[in-house]
Amino acid sequence: MKHTPGPWKYEAEVAYGRDIRTEDGKIWLGSALNEHSDLKHFPSSAVCEKNAQLMSASPDLLEACKMALESYRIAAEHHNIEFDAVPIEDAIKKARGE
């Protein structure tokens, strides 16, 4: 199973935080809740906004990691350079739920 393809965006603030949706708005992906929700122990509106920004950037960040990894591998192969791919590989695996 794959994730919902990007791009994703976060919606204007609603009473409880911010909704994350596909760019066309057709698919709701989740919410970043803030302290105005009825639930306790949620972050401030400012932190909620930053969380929503990060969540909505997730598909783009995953693609950027995959492109960077491939670029590093090609550069390493052509220039006999060693690099530590583990952090990028781990981030990609985490995003894929592996």
PDB file of N, CA and C in Angstrom:
ATOM      1  N   MET A   1       0.851  -1.177   0.000  1.00  0.00           N
ATOM      2  CA  MET A   1       0.000   0.000   0.000  1.00  0.00           C
ATOM      3  C   MET A   1       0.897   1.240   0.000  1.00  0.00           C
ATOM      4  N   LYS A   2       0.527   2.236  -0.773  1.00  0.00           N
ATOM      5  CA  LYS A   2       1.273   3.485  -0.843  1.00  0.00           C
ATOM      6  C   LYS A   2       0.493   4.593  -0.163  1.00  0.00           C
ATOM      7  N   HIS A   3       1.206   5.660   0.170  1.00  0.00           N
ATOM      8  CA  HIS A   3       0.547   6.820   0.758  1.00  0.00           C
ATOM      9  C   HIS A   3      -0.211   7.595  -0.323  1.00  0.00           C
ATOM     10  N   THR A   4      -1.075   8.476   0.113  1.00  0.00           N
ATOM     11  CA  THR A   4      -1.796   9.344  -0.818  1.00  0.00           C
ATOM     12  C   THR A   4      -0.780  10.242  -1.507  1.00  0.00           C
ATOM     13  N   PRO A   5      -0.769  10.251  -2.833  1.00  0.00           N
ATOM     14  CA  PRO A   5       0.228  11.063  -3.535  1.00  0.00           C
ATOM     15  C   PRO A   5       0.092  12.551  -3.216  1.00  0.00           C
ATOM     16  N   GLY A   6       1.226  13.229  -3.226  1.00  0.00           N
ATOM     17  CA  GLY A   6       1.238  14.678  -3.031  1.00  0.00           C
ATOM     18  C   GLY A   6       0.886  15.360  -4.333  1.00  0.00           C
ATOM     19  N   PRO A   7       0.842  16.644  -4.348  1.00  0.00           N
ATOM     20  CA  PRO A   7       1.170  17.495  -3.214  1.00  0.00           C
ATOM     21  C   PRO A   7       0.032  17.585  -2.206  1.00  0.00           C
ATOM     22  N   TRP A   8       0.439  17.851  -0.970  1.00  0.00           N
ATOM     23  CA  TRP A   8      -0.506  18.058   0.113  1.00  0.00           C
ATOM     24  C   TRP A   8      -0.429  19.526   0.520  1.00  0.00           C
ATOM     25  N   LYS A   9      -1.473  20.005   1.175  1.00  0.00           N
ATOM     26  CA  LYS A   9      -1.470  21.374   1.699  1.00  0.00           C
ATOM     27  C   LYS A   9      -2.183  21.385   3.036  1.00  0.00           C
ATOM     28  N   TYR A  10      -1.939  22.437   3.794  1.00  0.00           N
ATOM     29  CA  TYR A  10      -2.711  22.589   5.023  1.00  0.00           C
ATOM     30  C   TYR A  10      -3.697  23.722   4.829  1.00  0.00           C
ATOM     31  N   GLU A  11      -4.865  23.535   5.401  1.00  0.00           N
ATOM     32  CA  GLU A  11      -5.971  24.462   5.232  1.00  0.00           C
ATOM     33  C   GLU A  11      -5.846  25.629   6.208  1.00  0.00           C
ATOM     34  N   ALA A  12      -6.553  26.681   5.928  1.00  0.00           N
ATOM     35  CA  ALA A  12      -6.618  27.818   6.846  1.00  0.00           C
ATOM     36  C   ALA A  12      -7.084  27.321   8.208  1.00  0.00           C
ATOM     37  N   GLU A  13      -6.695  28.040   9.229  1.00  0.00           N
ATOM     38  CA  GLU A  13      -6.996  27.600  10.590  1.00  0.00           C
ATOM     39  C   GLU A  13      -8.496  27.436  10.804  1.00  0.00           C
ATOM     40  N   VAL A  14      -8.839  26.325  11.426  1.00  0.00           N
ATOM     41  CA  VAL A  14     -10.214  26.066  11.847  1.00  0.00           C
ATOM     42  C   VAL A  14     -10.215  26.086  13.368  1.00  0.00           C
ATOM     43  N   ALA A  15     -11.351  25.927  13.985  1.00  0.00           N
ATOM     44  CA  ALA A  15     -11.479  26.078  15.433  1.00  0.00           C
ATOM     45  C   ALA A  15     -10.528  25.175  16.223  1.00  0.00           C
ATOM     46  N   TYR A  16     -10.208  24.011  15.700  1.00  0.00           N
ATOM     47  CA  TYR A  16      -9.419  23.035  16.462  1.00  0.00           C
ATOM     48  C   TYR A  16      -7.986  22.893  15.965  1.00  0.00           C
ATOM     49  N   GLY A  17      -7.588  23.612  14.930  1.00  0.00           N
ATOM     50  CA  GLY A  17      -6.229  23.472  14.412  1.00  0.00           C
ATOM     51  C   GLY A  17      -6.188  23.680  12.914  1.00  0.00           C
ATOM     52  N   ARG A  18      -5.497  22.789  12.228  1.00  0.00           N
ATOM     53  CA  ARG A  18      -5.377  22.880  10.771  1.00  0.00           C
ATOM     54  C   ARG A  18      -5.603  21.501  10.160  1.00  0.00           C
ATOM     55  N   ASP A  19      -6.353  21.466   9.064  1.00  0.00           N
ATOM     56  CA  ASP A  19      -6.562  20.224   8.328  1.00  0.00           C
ATOM     57  C   ASP A  19      -5.493  20.088   7.255  1.00  0.00           C
ATOM     58  N   ILE A  20      -5.040  18.858   7.038  1.00  0.00           N
ATOM     59  CA  ILE A  20      -4.107  18.558   5.960  1.00  0.00           C
ATOM     60  C   ILE A  20      -4.899  17.785   4.914  1.00  0.00           C
ATOM     61  N   ARG A  21      -4.855  18.277   3.668  1.00  0.00           N
ATOM     62  CA  ARG A  21      -5.611  17.684   2.568  1.00  0.00           C
ATOM     63  C   ARG A  21      -4.736  17.592   1.331  1.00  0.00           C
ATOM     64  N   THR A  22      -5.224  16.829   0.352  1.00  0.00           N
ATOM     65  CA  THR A  22      -4.556  16.852  -0.944  1.00  0.00           C
ATOM     66  C   THR A  22      -4.719  18.259  -1.511  1.00  0.00           C
ATOM     67  N   GLU A  23      -3.840  18.627  -2.443  1.00  0.00           N
ATOM     68  CA  GLU A  23      -3.859  19.995  -2.960  1.00  0.00           C
ATOM     69  C   GLU A  23      -5.207  20.372  -3.563  1.00  0.00           C
ATOM     70  N   ASP A  24      -5.892  19.401  -4.172  1.00  0.00           N
ATOM     71  CA  ASP A  24      -7.205  19.704  -4.748  1.00  0.00           C
ATOM     72  C   ASP A  24      -8.309  19.734  -3.691  1.00  0.00           C
ATOM     73  N   GLY A  25      -7.962  19.415  -2.435  1.00  0.00           N
ATOM     74  CA  GLY A  25      -8.917  19.484  -1.337  1.00  0.00           C
ATOM     75  C   GLY A  25      -9.868  18.312  -1.241  1.00  0.00           C
ATOM     76  N   LYS A  26      -9.751  17.331  -2.132  1.00  0.00           N
ATOM     77  CA  LYS A  26     -10.719  16.237  -2.186  1.00  0.00           C
ATOM     78  C   LYS A  26     -10.496  15.178  -1.106  1.00  0.00           C
ATOM     79  N   ILE A  27      -9.251  15.009  -0.653  1.00  0.00           N
ATOM     80  CA  ILE A  27      -8.968  13.948   0.317  1.00  0.00           C
ATOM     81  C   ILE A  27      -8.427  14.561   1.604  1.00  0.00           C
ATOM     82  N   TRP A  28      -9.141  14.326   2.720  1.00  0.00           N
ATOM     83  CA  TRP A  28      -8.688  14.774   4.030  1.00  0.00           C
ATOM     84  C   TRP A  28      -7.685  13.751   4.540  1.00  0.00           C
ATOM     85  N   LEU A  29      -6.504  14.227   4.975  1.00  0.00           N
ATOM     86  CA  LEU A  29      -5.434  13.335   5.406  1.00  0.00           C
ATOM     87  C   LEU A  29      -5.244  13.325   6.909  1.00  0.00           C
ATOM     88  N   GLY A  30      -5.662  14.361   7.569  1.00  0.00           N
ATOM     89  CA  GLY A  30      -5.498  14.428   9.018  1.00  0.00           C
ATOM     90  C   GLY A  30      -5.603  15.861   9.486  1.00  0.00           C
ATOM     91  N   SER A  31      -5.380  16.038  10.780  1.00  0.00           N
ATOM     92  CA  SER A  31      -5.435  17.373  11.373  1.00  0.00           C
ATOM     93  C   SER A  31      -4.275  17.555  12.325  1.00  0.00           C
ATOM     94  N   ALA A  32      -3.789  18.769  12.399  1.00  0.00           N
ATOM     95  CA  ALA A  32      -2.850  19.167  13.438  1.00  0.00           C
ATOM     96  C   ALA A  32      -3.687  19.958  14.435  1.00  0.00           C
ATOM     97  N   LEU A  33      -3.876  19.385  15.613  1.00  0.00           N
ATOM     98  CA  LEU A  33      -4.759  19.999  16.608  1.00  0.00           C
ATOM     99  C   LEU A  33      -3.997  21.024  17.437  1.00  0.00           C
ATOM    100  N   ASN A  34      -4.722  22.041  17.917  1.00  0.00           N
ATOM    101  CA  ASN A  34      -4.104  23.038  18.780  1.00  0.00           C
ATOM    102  C   ASN A  34      -4.825  23.114  20.117  1.00  0.00           C
ATOM    103  N   GLU A  35      -4.402  24.058  20.953  1.00  0.00           N
ATOM    104  CA  GLU A  35      -4.960  24.169  22.304  1.00  0.00           C
ATOM    105  C   GLU A  35      -6.413  24.591  22.322  1.00  0.00           C
ATOM    106  N   HIS A  36      -6.971  24.986  21.179  1.00  0.00           N
ATOM    107  CA  HIS A  36      -8.375  25.385  21.130  1.00  0.00           C
ATOM    108  C   HIS A  36      -9.323  24.205  20.946  1.00  0.00           C
ATOM    109  N   SER A  37      -8.738  23.013  20.737  1.00  0.00           N
ATOM    110  CA  SER A  37      -9.594  21.832  20.606  1.00  0.00           C
ATOM    111  C   SER A  37     -10.147  21.476  21.985  1.00  0.00           C
ATOM    112  N   ASP A  38     -11.149  20.634  22.021  1.00  0.00           N
ATOM    113  CA  ASP A  38     -11.734  20.205  23.289  1.00  0.00           C
ATOM    114  C   ASP A  38     -10.832  19.229  24.026  1.00  0.00           C
ATOM    115  N   LEU A  39      -9.829  18.734  23.354  1.00  0.00           N
ATOM    116  CA  LEU A  39      -8.923  17.768  23.953  1.00  0.00           C
ATOM    117  C   LEU A  39      -7.798  18.491  24.681  1.00  0.00           C
ATOM    118  N   LYS A  40      -7.214  17.859  25.677  1.00  0.00           N
ATOM    119  CA  LYS A  40      -6.156  18.483  26.479  1.00  0.00           C
ATOM    120  C   LYS A  40      -4.782  18.118  25.936  1.00  0.00           C
ATOM    121  N   HIS A  41      -3.798  18.902  26.317  1.00  0.00           N
ATOM    122  CA  HIS A  41      -2.385  18.627  26.037  1.00  0.00           C
ATOM    123  C   HIS A  41      -2.024  18.722  24.561  1.00  0.00           C
ATOM    124  N   PHE A  42      -2.582  19.667  23.856  1.00  0.00           N
ATOM    125  CA  PHE A  42      -2.203  19.901  22.465  1.00  0.00           C
ATOM    126  C   PHE A  42      -1.387  21.174  22.372  1.00  0.00           C
ATOM    127  N   PRO A  43      -0.578  21.320  21.332  1.00  0.00           N
ATOM    128  CA  PRO A  43       0.331  22.461  21.234  1.00  0.00           C
ATOM    129  C   PRO A  43      -0.383  23.775  20.932  1.00  0.00           C
ATOM    130  N   SER A  44       0.374  24.847  21.062  1.00  0.00           N
ATOM    131  CA  SER A  44      -0.151  26.176  20.755  1.00  0.00           C
ATOM    132  C   SER A  44      -0.498  26.272  19.267  1.00  0.00           C
ATOM    133  N   SER A  45      -1.211  27.320  18.906  1.00  0.00           N
ATOM    134  CA  SER A  45      -1.567  27.527  17.501  1.00  0.00           C
ATOM    135  C   SER A  45      -0.327  27.683  16.630  1.00  0.00           C
ATOM    136  N   ALA A  46       0.708  28.345  17.155  1.00  0.00           N
ATOM    137  CA  ALA A  46       1.936  28.535  16.376  1.00  0.00           C
ATOM    138  C   ALA A  46       2.622  27.205  16.107  1.00  0.00           C
ATOM    139  N   VAL A  47       2.706  26.343  17.116  1.00  0.00           N
ATOM    140  CA  VAL A  47       3.316  25.016  16.929  1.00  0.00           C
ATOM    141  C   VAL A  47       2.434  24.164  16.031  1.00  0.00           C
ATOM    142  N   CYS A  48       1.131  24.274  16.187  1.00  0.00           N
ATOM    143  CA  CYS A  48       0.189  23.546  15.328  1.00  0.00           C
ATOM    144  C   CYS A  48       0.427  23.916  13.871  1.00  0.00           C
ATOM    145  N   GLU A  49       0.631  25.193  13.589  1.00  0.00           N
ATOM    146  CA  GLU A  49       0.876  25.628  12.212  1.00  0.00           C
ATOM    147  C   GLU A  49       2.156  24.999  11.673  1.00  0.00           C
ATOM    148  N   LYS A  50       3.221  25.000  12.475  1.00  0.00           N
ATOM    149  CA  LYS A  50       4.492  24.409  12.035  1.00  0.00           C
ATOM    150  C   LYS A  50       4.330  22.903  11.808  1.00  0.00           C
ATOM    151  N   ASN A  51       3.588  22.221  12.668  1.00  0.00           N
ATOM    152  CA  ASN A  51       3.333  20.789  12.486  1.00  0.00           C
ATOM    153  C   ASN A  51       2.584  20.537  11.184  1.00  0.00           C
ATOM    154  N   ALA A  52       1.583  21.363  10.906  1.00  0.00           N
ATOM    155  CA  ALA A  52       0.800  21.208   9.670  1.00  0.00           C
ATOM    156  C   ALA A  52       1.673  21.466   8.448  1.00  0.00           C
ATOM    157  N   GLN A  53       2.570  22.454   8.524  1.00  0.00           N
ATOM    158  CA  GLN A  53       3.479  22.728   7.407  1.00  0.00           C
ATOM    159  C   GLN A  53       4.365  21.520   7.134  1.00  0.00           C
ATOM    160  N   LEU A  54       4.908  20.934   8.197  1.00  0.00           N
ATOM    161  CA  LEU A  54       5.780  19.770   8.044  1.00  0.00           C
ATOM    162  C   LEU A  54       5.008  18.582   7.472  1.00  0.00           C
ATOM    163  N   MET A  55       3.808  18.329   7.994  1.00  0.00           N
ATOM    164  CA  MET A  55       3.011  17.212   7.485  1.00  0.00           C
ATOM    165  C   MET A  55       2.669  17.401   6.019  1.00  0.00           C
ATOM    166  N   SER A  56       2.300  18.622   5.630  1.00  0.00           N
ATOM    167  CA  SER A  56       1.912  18.845   4.238  1.00  0.00           C
ATOM    168  C   SER A  56       3.109  18.753   3.291  1.00  0.00           C
ATOM    169  N   ALA A  57       4.321  18.935   3.815  1.00  0.00           N
ATOM    170  CA  ALA A  57       5.536  18.825   2.986  1.00  0.00           C
ATOM    171  C   ALA A  57       6.029  17.385   2.866  1.00  0.00           C
ATOM    172  N   SER A  58       5.450  16.457   3.604  1.00  0.00           N
ATOM    173  CA  SER A  58       5.949  15.080   3.649  1.00  0.00           C
ATOM    174  C   SER A  58       6.161  14.420   2.296  1.00  0.00           C
ATOM    175  N   PRO A  59       5.200  14.453   1.372  1.00  0.00           N
ATOM    176  CA  PRO A  59       5.446  13.801   0.072  1.00  0.00           C
ATOM    177  C   PRO A  59       6.622  14.429  -0.676  1.00  0.00           C
ATOM    178  N   ASP A  60       6.746  15.747  -0.587  1.00  0.00           N
ATOM    179  CA  ASP A  60       7.856  16.430  -1.262  1.00  0.00           C
ATOM    180  C   ASP A  60       9.192  16.049  -0.626  1.00  0.00           C
ATOM    181  N   LEU A  61       9.215  15.965   0.697  1.00  0.00           N
ATOM    182  CA  LEU A  61      10.446  15.596   1.401  1.00  0.00           C
ATOM    183  C   LEU A  61      10.864  14.167   1.075  1.00  0.00           C
ATOM    184  N   LEU A  62       9.904  13.262   0.970  1.00  0.00           N
ATOM    185  CA  LEU A  62      10.213  11.881   0.609  1.00  0.00           C
ATOM    186  C   LEU A  62      10.828  11.821  -0.784  1.00  0.00           C
ATOM    187  N   GLU A  63      10.228  12.509  -1.738  1.00  0.00           N
ATOM    188  CA  GLU A  63      10.773  12.516  -3.095  1.00  0.00           C
ATOM    189  C   GLU A  63      12.161  13.148  -3.129  1.00  0.00           C
ATOM    190  N   ALA A  64      12.366  14.217  -2.374  1.00  0.00           N
ATOM    191  CA  ALA A  64      13.681  14.872  -2.329  1.00  0.00           C
ATOM    192  C   ALA A  64      14.732  13.932  -1.742  1.00  0.00           C
ATOM    193  N   CYS A  65      14.366  13.169  -0.718  1.00  0.00           N
ATOM    194  CA  CYS A  65      15.303  12.201  -0.135  1.00  0.00           C
ATOM    195  C   CYS A  65      15.673  11.122  -1.150  1.00  0.00           C
ATOM    196  N   LYS A  66      14.685  10.629  -1.884  1.00  0.00           N
ATOM    197  CA  LYS A  66      14.972   9.599  -2.884  1.00  0.00           C
ATOM    198  C   LYS A  66      15.879  10.137  -3.985  1.00  0.00           C
ATOM    199  N   MET A  67      15.634  11.360  -4.426  1.00  0.00           N
ATOM    200  CA  MET A  67      16.473  11.972  -5.459  1.00  0.00           C
ATOM    201  C   MET A  67      17.886  12.222  -4.941  1.00  0.00           C
ATOM    202  N   ALA A  68      18.002  12.704  -3.708  1.00  0.00           N
ATOM    203  CA  ALA A  68      19.325  12.969  -3.130  1.00  0.00           C
ATOM    204  C   ALA A  68      20.116  11.680  -2.986  1.00  0.00           C
ATOM    205  N   LEU A  69      19.461  10.626  -2.537  1.00  0.00           N
ATOM    206  CA  LEU A  69      20.135   9.341  -2.375  1.00  0.00           C
ATOM    207  C   LEU A  69      20.669   8.843  -3.714  1.00  0.00           C
ATOM    208  N   GLU A  70      19.852   8.917  -4.743  1.00  0.00           N
ATOM    209  CA  GLU A  70      20.287   8.478  -6.068  1.00  0.00           C
ATOM    210  C   GLU A  70      21.445   9.342  -6.573  1.00  0.00           C
ATOM    211  N   SER A  71      21.361  10.646  -6.376  1.00  0.00           N
ATOM    212  CA  SER A  71      22.441  11.546  -6.800  1.00  0.00           C
ATOM    213  C   SER A  71      23.742  11.239  -6.076  1.00  0.00           C
ATOM    214  N   TYR A  72      23.662  11.014  -4.763  1.00  0.00           N
ATOM    215  CA  TYR A  72      24.858  10.667  -3.996  1.00  0.00           C
ATOM    216  C   TYR A  72      25.459   9.354  -4.486  1.00  0.00           C
ATOM    217  N   ARG A  73      24.597   8.384  -4.767  1.00  0.00           N
ATOM    218  CA  ARG A  73      25.100   7.080  -5.236  1.00  0.00           C
ATOM    219  C   ARG A  73      25.811   7.227  -6.584  1.00  0.00           C
ATOM    220  N   ILE A  74      25.231   7.979  -7.489  1.00  0.00           N
ATOM    221  CA  ILE A  74      25.853   8.191  -8.804  1.00  0.00           C
ATOM    222  C   ILE A  74      27.183   8.921  -8.648  1.00  0.00           C
ATOM    223  N   ALA A  75      27.197   9.990  -7.849  1.00  0.00           N
ATOM    224  CA  ALA A  75      28.428  10.755  -7.636  1.00  0.00           C
ATOM    225  C   ALA A  75      29.500   9.884  -6.992  1.00  0.00           C
ATOM    226  N   ALA A  76      29.114   9.078  -6.012  1.00  0.00           N
ATOM    227  CA  ALA A  76      30.078   8.214  -5.334  1.00  0.00           C
ATOM    228  C   ALA A  76      30.669   7.191  -6.292  1.00  0.00           C
ATOM    229  N   GLU A  77      29.823   6.651  -7.151  1.00  0.00           N
ATOM    230  CA  GLU A  77      30.279   5.645  -8.112  1.00  0.00           C
ATOM    231  C   GLU A  77      31.250   6.251  -9.136  1.00  0.00           C
ATOM    232  N   HIS A  78      30.923   7.429  -9.615  1.00  0.00           N
ATOM    233  CA  HIS A  78      31.746   8.044 -10.660  1.00  0.00           C
ATOM    234  C   HIS A  78      33.021   8.702 -10.140  1.00  0.00           C
ATOM    235  N   HIS A  79      33.037   9.049  -8.871  1.00  0.00           N
ATOM    236  CA  HIS A  79      34.182   9.776  -8.329  1.00  0.00           C
ATOM    237  C   HIS A  79      34.887   9.022  -7.205  1.00  0.00           C
ATOM    238  N   ASN A  80      34.556   7.742  -7.039  1.00  0.00           N
ATOM    239  CA  ASN A  80      35.161   6.930  -5.987  1.00  0.00           C
ATOM    240  C   ASN A  80      35.100   7.611  -4.620  1.00  0.00           C
ATOM    241  N   ILE A  81      33.948   8.099  -4.277  1.00  0.00           N
ATOM    242  CA  ILE A  81      33.727   8.772  -3.000  1.00  0.00           C
ATOM    243  C   ILE A  81      32.848   7.878  -2.138  1.00  0.00           C
ATOM    244  N   GLU A  82      33.189   7.788  -0.867  1.00  0.00           N
ATOM    245  CA  GLU A  82      32.328   7.067   0.072  1.00  0.00           C
ATOM    246  C   GLU A  82      31.462   8.076   0.808  1.00  0.00           C
ATOM    247  N   PHE A  83      30.223   7.724   1.033  1.00  0.00           N
ATOM    248  CA  PHE A  83      29.339   8.573   1.826  1.00  0.00           C
ATOM    249  C   PHE A  83      28.448   7.683   2.664  1.00  0.00           C
ATOM    250  N   ASP A  84      27.965   8.240   3.752  1.00  0.00           N
ATOM    251  CA  ASP A  84      27.096   7.500   4.667  1.00  0.00           C
ATOM    252  C   ASP A  84      25.649   7.689   4.234  1.00  0.00           C
ATOM    253  N   ALA A  85      25.113   6.684   3.572  1.00  0.00           N
ATOM    254  CA  ALA A  85      23.745   6.751   3.067  1.00  0.00           C
ATOM    255  C   ALA A  85      22.712   6.371   4.120  1.00  0.00           C
ATOM    256  N   VAL A  86      23.159   5.852   5.256  1.00  0.00           N
ATOM    257  CA  VAL A  86      22.230   5.309   6.250  1.00  0.00           C
ATOM    258  C   VAL A  86      21.189   6.330   6.725  1.00  0.00           C
ATOM    259  N   PRO A  87      21.559   7.571   7.047  1.00  0.00           N
ATOM    260  CA  PRO A  87      20.505   8.499   7.508  1.00  0.00           C
ATOM    261  C   PRO A  87      19.407   8.736   6.471  1.00  0.00           C
ATOM    262  N   ILE A  88      19.790   8.872   5.200  1.00  0.00           N
ATOM    263  CA  ILE A  88      18.780   9.088   4.156  1.00  0.00           C
ATOM    264  C   ILE A  88      17.971   7.815   3.942  1.00  0.00           C
ATOM    265  N   GLU A  89      18.638   6.672   3.906  1.00  0.00           N
ATOM    266  CA  GLU A  89      17.924   5.395   3.746  1.00  0.00           C
ATOM    267  C   GLU A  89      16.962   5.163   4.901  1.00  0.00           C
ATOM    268  N   ASP A  90      17.393   5.474   6.120  1.00  0.00           N
ATOM    269  CA  ASP A  90      16.521   5.302   7.289  1.00  0.00           C
ATOM    270  C   ASP A  90      15.302   6.219   7.225  1.00  0.00           C
ATOM    271  N   ALA A  91      15.508   7.466   6.776  1.00  0.00           N
ATOM    272  CA  ALA A  91      14.393   8.399   6.651  1.00  0.00           C
ATOM    273  C   ALA A  91      13.375   7.901   5.619  1.00  0.00           C
ATOM    274  N   ILE A  92      13.862   7.383   4.515  1.00  0.00           N
ATOM    275  CA  ILE A  92      12.978   6.848   3.484  1.00  0.00           C
ATOM    276  C   ILE A  92      12.210   5.638   4.007  1.00  0.00           C
ATOM    277  N   LYS A  93      12.902   4.743   4.694  1.00  0.00           N
ATOM    278  CA  LYS A  93      12.231   3.570   5.276  1.00  0.00           C
ATOM    279  C   LYS A  93      11.172   3.988   6.292  1.00  0.00           C
ATOM    280  N   LYS A  94      11.500   4.958   7.118  1.00  0.00           N
ATOM    281  CA  LYS A  94      10.539   5.436   8.124  1.00  0.00           C
ATOM    282  C   LYS A  94       9.285   6.007   7.443  1.00  0.00           C
ATOM    283  N   ALA A  95       9.505   6.775   6.381  1.00  0.00           N
ATOM    284  CA  ALA A  95       8.363   7.367   5.656  1.00  0.00           C
ATOM    285  C   ALA A  95       7.509   6.290   5.007  1.00  0.00           C
ATOM    286  N   ARG A  96       8.118   5.184   4.605  1.00  0.00           N
ATOM    287  CA  ARG A  96       7.389   4.082   3.974  1.00  0.00           C
ATOM    288  C   ARG A  96       6.812   3.090   4.982  1.00  0.00           C
ATOM    289  N   GLY A  97       7.139   3.277   6.254  1.00  0.00           N
ATOM    290  CA  GLY A  97       6.640   2.367   7.284  1.00  0.00           C
ATOM    291  C   GLY A  97       7.379   1.038   7.304  1.00  0.00           C
ATOM    292  N   GLU A  98       8.623   1.037   6.864  1.00  0.00           N
ATOM    293  CA  GLU A  98       9.420  -0.201   6.816  1.00  0.00           C
ATOM    294  C   GLU A  98      10.237  -0.352   8.086  1.00  0.00           C
TER     295      GLU A  98
END
